Amino acid sequence: MFSHARPLLLHAVRLAHTRRRLEMHENRAVAPAAEPAGGGALRALLLTSRLLDSASGRACTDLALGLHREGFEPVVCCYAGWGPLAAELAAAGVEIFPLRMRDGGDPLFALALSRELAARRIDVIHSFNARRAYVLSVAAGLIARTRVGVATFREAPPSGSPLLATAGRLCGEIVGALVATSEEVREALLRARWVPPRKTQVVPDGV
C-alpha cells in the first residue's frame, strides 16, 4: 500500500532539497539554512484532520510509518483532534502535533501552519482528504516557502462556493501531484476544474 504514494511524495521531497541546495549555491553570501534534524534527513509534514481508525487515518499512519522506516522524518499535524492511531505513531517515534482549525475557512490557520513549517524545518507537505485545509496548506506553504508535494482527495470538492473553487484551481497548479481515491472522485475534481488532469491519478486506498 505504501509503495503507491512513496514515489510521488519522495519525488517532491527531493525537488525541495535540490532547490534548497541550488539557492545556497547561487547566493553564497546568504548563511545556509539549518539542516533538518536527524543527520540531514528530509522532513515531510502529513496534514490530516484526525488519526481515526478509518481509511484516511490508516493511509496517513501507514505513509508516516513507511517514511520513518526509510530514514525520512515524517511529522504529522492533526487539525481536528487526535484519534486512536496517534498512539501507534507516537510509539514508533513519529512526531505529532495538533493545530486547531476552525470550521469553514480559517485564514489564521494558514498563518499558524506557516509558522510551524518554518519552526519545524519542513521540506514538503502532503495533505490528506483536505479540501479547505488543502487550500490553506498551500497558502501556508507559499508563506513559508515550503512545497506542497501531494494532496489526497477522498471526496468530491465542495460545491456552491465560487471563491473556494477558484482557490482550489490555483492550488491545483501549485501542488506537485494530486491523488484521488476513486475514479468517481477524480472525475468530480476534473469537472469542478480543481485539479489539472496531467497531475492527477487514482490510487484506490490513497497511498
Protein backbone atom coordinates (compact mmCIF):
# COMPACT_ATOMS: atom_id res chain seq x y z
CA MET A 1 0.00 0.00 0.00
CA PHE A 2 2.81 2.41 0.94
CA SER A 3 4.56 1.83 -2.39
CA HIS A 4 1.93 3.76 -4.39
CA ALA A 5 2.32 7.11 -2.60
CA ARG A 6 6.04 6.89 -1.85
CA PRO A 7 7.33 7.81 -5.36
CA LEU A 8 5.06 10.88 -5.52
CA LEU A 9 5.98 12.24 -2.12
CA LEU A 10 9.68 11.37 -2.25
CA HIS A 11 9.99 12.99 -5.69
CA ALA A 12 8.58 16.19 -4.19
CA VAL A 13 10.92 15.88 -1.20
CA ARG A 14 13.96 15.56 -3.46
CA LEU A 15 12.86 18.52 -5.58
CA ALA A 16 12.60 20.65 -2.45
CA HIS A 17 16.02 19.51 -1.27
CA THR A 18 17.61 20.15 -4.70
CA ARG A 19 16.04 23.62 -4.91
CA ARG A 20 17.36 24.49 -1.46
CA ARG A 21 20.91 23.43 -2.44
CA LEU A 22 20.73 25.46 -5.68
CA GLU A 23 19.60 28.56 -3.80
CA MET A 24 22.51 28.18 -1.37
CA HIS A 25 24.96 27.74 -4.27
CA GLU A 26 23.67 30.76 -6.20
CA ASN A 27 23.90 33.12 -3.23
CA ARG A 28 26.90 32.20 -1.12
CA ALA A 29 26.64 35.45 0.84
CA VAL A 30 23.47 34.19 2.50
CA ALA A 31 24.02 31.99 5.52
CA PRO A 32 22.81 28.45 4.76
CA ALA A 33 19.57 27.35 6.37
CA ALA A 34 19.88 24.91 9.22
CA GLU A 35 19.83 21.32 8.04
CA PRO A 36 16.86 19.23 9.15
CA ALA A 37 17.31 17.30 12.36
CA GLY A 38 18.44 13.69 12.33
CA GLY A 39 21.64 14.00 10.32
CA GLY A 40 20.13 15.84 7.38
CA ALA A 41 17.04 13.64 6.95
CA LEU A 42 14.36 15.34 4.86
CA ARG A 43 11.20 16.24 6.75
CA ALA A 44 7.69 15.70 5.38
CA LEU A 45 4.58 17.15 7.03
CA LEU A 46 1.49 14.96 6.72
CA LEU A 47 -1.59 17.13 7.30
CA THR A 48 -4.79 15.33 8.31
CA SER A 49 -7.92 16.01 10.34
CA ARG A 50 -7.68 13.18 12.90
CA LEU A 51 -5.94 9.84 13.13
CA LEU A 52 -9.10 7.78 13.34
CA ASP A 53 -9.12 4.05 12.64
CA SER A 54 -10.54 4.74 9.17
CA ALA A 55 -9.30 4.56 5.59
CA SER A 56 -8.00 8.13 5.72
CA GLY A 57 -6.44 7.77 9.17
CA ARG A 58 -4.81 4.48 8.25
CA ALA A 59 -3.47 5.93 4.97
CA CYS A 60 -1.76 8.78 6.81
CA THR A 61 -0.45 6.46 9.53
CA ASP A 62 0.93 3.89 7.09
CA LEU A 63 2.66 6.55 4.99
CA ALA A 64 4.22 8.12 8.10
CA LEU A 65 5.46 4.75 9.34
CA GLY A 66 6.81 3.85 5.89
CA LEU A 67 8.70 7.14 5.58
CA HIS A 68 10.05 6.70 9.10
CA ARG A 69 11.36 3.21 8.27
CA GLU A 70 13.13 4.57 5.16
CA GLY A 71 15.07 7.16 7.14
CA PHE A 72 12.94 10.23 6.46
CA GLU A 73 11.43 12.36 9.21
CA PRO A 74 7.64 12.44 8.89
CA VAL A 75 5.79 14.95 11.05
CA VAL A 76 2.01 14.58 11.42
CA CYS A 77 -0.26 17.58 12.05
CA CYS A 78 -3.86 16.95 13.17
CA TYR A 79 -6.25 19.90 12.91
CA ALA A 80 -9.42 18.37 14.43
CA GLY A 81 -8.20 16.32 17.38
CA TRP A 82 -6.16 13.15 17.82
CA GLY A 83 -7.60 9.66 17.31
CA PRO A 84 -6.59 6.11 18.28
CA LEU A 85 -3.86 5.78 15.63
CA ALA A 86 -1.90 8.65 17.18
CA ALA A 87 -0.62 6.26 19.84
CA GLU A 88 0.73 3.94 17.13
CA LEU A 89 2.75 6.75 15.58
CA ALA A 90 3.98 8.05 18.92
CA ALA A 91 5.15 4.55 19.88
CA ALA A 92 7.17 4.41 16.64
CA GLY A 93 8.82 7.74 17.41
CA VAL A 94 6.94 9.79 14.79
CA GLU A 95 6.49 13.44 15.72
CA ILE A 96 2.84 14.55 16.03
CA PHE A 97 1.39 17.93 16.91
CA PRO A 98 -2.12 19.48 16.99
CA LEU A 99 -3.08 22.70 15.26
CA ARG A 100 -6.74 23.59 15.65
CA MET A 101 -8.63 24.80 12.58
CA ARG A 102 -12.00 26.45 12.98
CA ASP A 103 -14.95 25.23 10.92
CA GLY A 104 -15.14 26.70 7.44
CA GLY A 105 -12.42 28.90 6.05
CA ASP A 106 -9.85 29.87 8.65
CA PRO A 107 -7.13 32.15 7.24
CA LEU A 108 -5.46 32.29 10.65
CA PHE A 109 -4.81 28.56 10.29
CA ALA A 110 -2.65 29.24 7.23
CA LEU A 111 -0.57 31.74 9.19
CA ALA A 112 -0.23 29.40 12.16
CA LEU A 113 0.71 26.49 9.90
CA SER A 114 3.30 28.58 8.08
CA ARG A 115 4.97 29.33 11.42
CA GLU A 116 5.01 25.62 12.25
CA LEU A 117 6.51 24.79 8.84
CA ALA A 118 9.35 27.22 9.45
CA ALA A 119 9.92 26.26 13.08
CA ARG A 120 9.92 22.53 12.32
CA ARG A 121 12.04 22.94 9.15
CA ILE A 122 9.57 21.08 6.92
CA ASP A 123 10.71 20.31 3.36
CA VAL A 124 7.43 19.16 1.79
CA ILE A 125 3.73 18.83 2.67
CA HIS A 126 1.24 16.03 1.94
CA SER A 127 -2.38 16.93 2.77
CA PHE A 128 -4.89 14.13 3.32
CA ASN A 129 -8.55 14.42 2.37
CA ALA A 130 -8.28 18.13 2.99
CA ARG A 131 -10.43 20.40 0.87
CA ARG A 132 -10.48 23.71 2.71
CA ALA A 133 -7.42 22.61 4.67
CA TYR A 134 -5.79 21.75 1.34
CA VAL A 135 -6.21 25.33 0.15
CA LEU A 136 -4.95 26.67 3.46
CA SER A 137 -1.96 24.32 3.44
CA VAL A 138 -0.94 25.61 0.01
CA ALA A 139 -1.23 29.19 1.32
CA ALA A 140 0.88 28.25 4.34
CA GLY A 141 3.45 26.61 2.09
CA LEU A 142 3.73 29.74 -0.05
CA ILE A 143 4.25 31.91 3.03
CA ALA A 144 6.89 29.56 4.45
CA ARG A 145 8.38 28.70 1.04
CA THR A 146 7.59 25.02 1.59
CA ARG A 147 6.43 22.85 -1.31
CA VAL A 148 3.06 21.09 -1.16
CA GLY A 149 4.14 17.91 -2.89
CA VAL A 150 1.00 15.76 -2.79
CA ALA A 151 -2.68 16.21 -1.92
CA THR A 152 -5.04 13.26 -1.47
CA PHE A 153 -8.80 13.59 -2.03
CA ARG A 154 -11.39 11.08 -0.80
CA GLU A 155 -14.42 13.25 -1.59
CA ALA A 156 -15.62 15.48 -4.38
CA PRO A 157 -14.85 19.19 -3.92
CA PRO A 158 -17.49 21.25 -2.10
CA SER A 159 -19.99 22.98 -4.36
CA GLY A 160 -21.65 26.36 -4.04
CA SER A 161 -18.53 28.36 -3.22
CA PRO A 162 -17.08 30.13 -6.28
CA LEU A 163 -14.28 31.63 -4.18
CA LEU A 164 -13.23 28.23 -2.84
CA ALA A 165 -13.45 26.71 -6.33
CA THR A 166 -11.15 29.42 -7.71
CA ALA A 167 -8.72 28.89 -4.85
CA GLY A 168 -8.81 25.14 -5.47
CA ARG A 169 -7.93 25.61 -9.15
CA LEU A 170 -5.00 27.85 -8.31
CA CYS A 171 -3.76 25.35 -5.75
CA GLY A 172 -4.01 22.54 -8.28
CA GLU A 173 -1.45 24.33 -10.44
CA ILE A 174 0.92 24.75 -7.50
CA VAL A 175 0.79 21.28 -5.96
CA GLY A 176 3.21 18.71 -7.35
CA ALA A 177 0.79 15.77 -7.63
CA LEU A 178 -2.81 15.01 -6.74
CA VAL A 179 -4.30 11.68 -5.75
CA ALA A 180 -7.97 10.70 -5.95
CA THR A 181 -9.05 7.58 -4.10
CA SER A 182 -11.54 6.58 -6.81
CA GLU A 183 -12.29 7.29 -10.45
CA GLU A 184 -15.54 8.96 -9.35
CA VAL A 185 -13.69 11.41 -7.12
CA ARG A 186 -11.18 12.13 -9.89
CA GLU A 187 -13.96 12.84 -12.39
CA ALA A 188 -15.69 15.16 -9.89
CA LEU A 189 -12.45 17.04 -9.29
CA LEU A 190 -11.88 17.39 -13.04
CA ARG A 191 -15.45 18.58 -13.65
CA ALA A 192 -15.01 21.24 -10.99
CA ARG A 193 -11.62 22.07 -12.53
CA TRP A 194 -9.96 21.73 -9.15
CA VAL A 195 -7.12 19.62 -10.50
CA PRO A 196 -5.06 19.55 -13.72
CA PRO A 197 -5.59 16.19 -15.49
CA ARG A 198 -1.85 15.74 -16.10
CA LYS A 199 -1.12 15.80 -12.36
CA THR A 200 -4.00 13.68 -11.12
CA GLN A 201 -4.05 9.92 -10.70
CA VAL A 202 -6.23 7.37 -8.94
CA VAL A 203 -4.85 5.38 -6.01
CA PRO A 204 -7.73 3.36 -4.52
CA ASP A 205 -6.52 3.39 -0.91
CA GLY A 206 -4.99 6.86 -1.09
CA VAL A 207 -1.44 5.65 -0.52
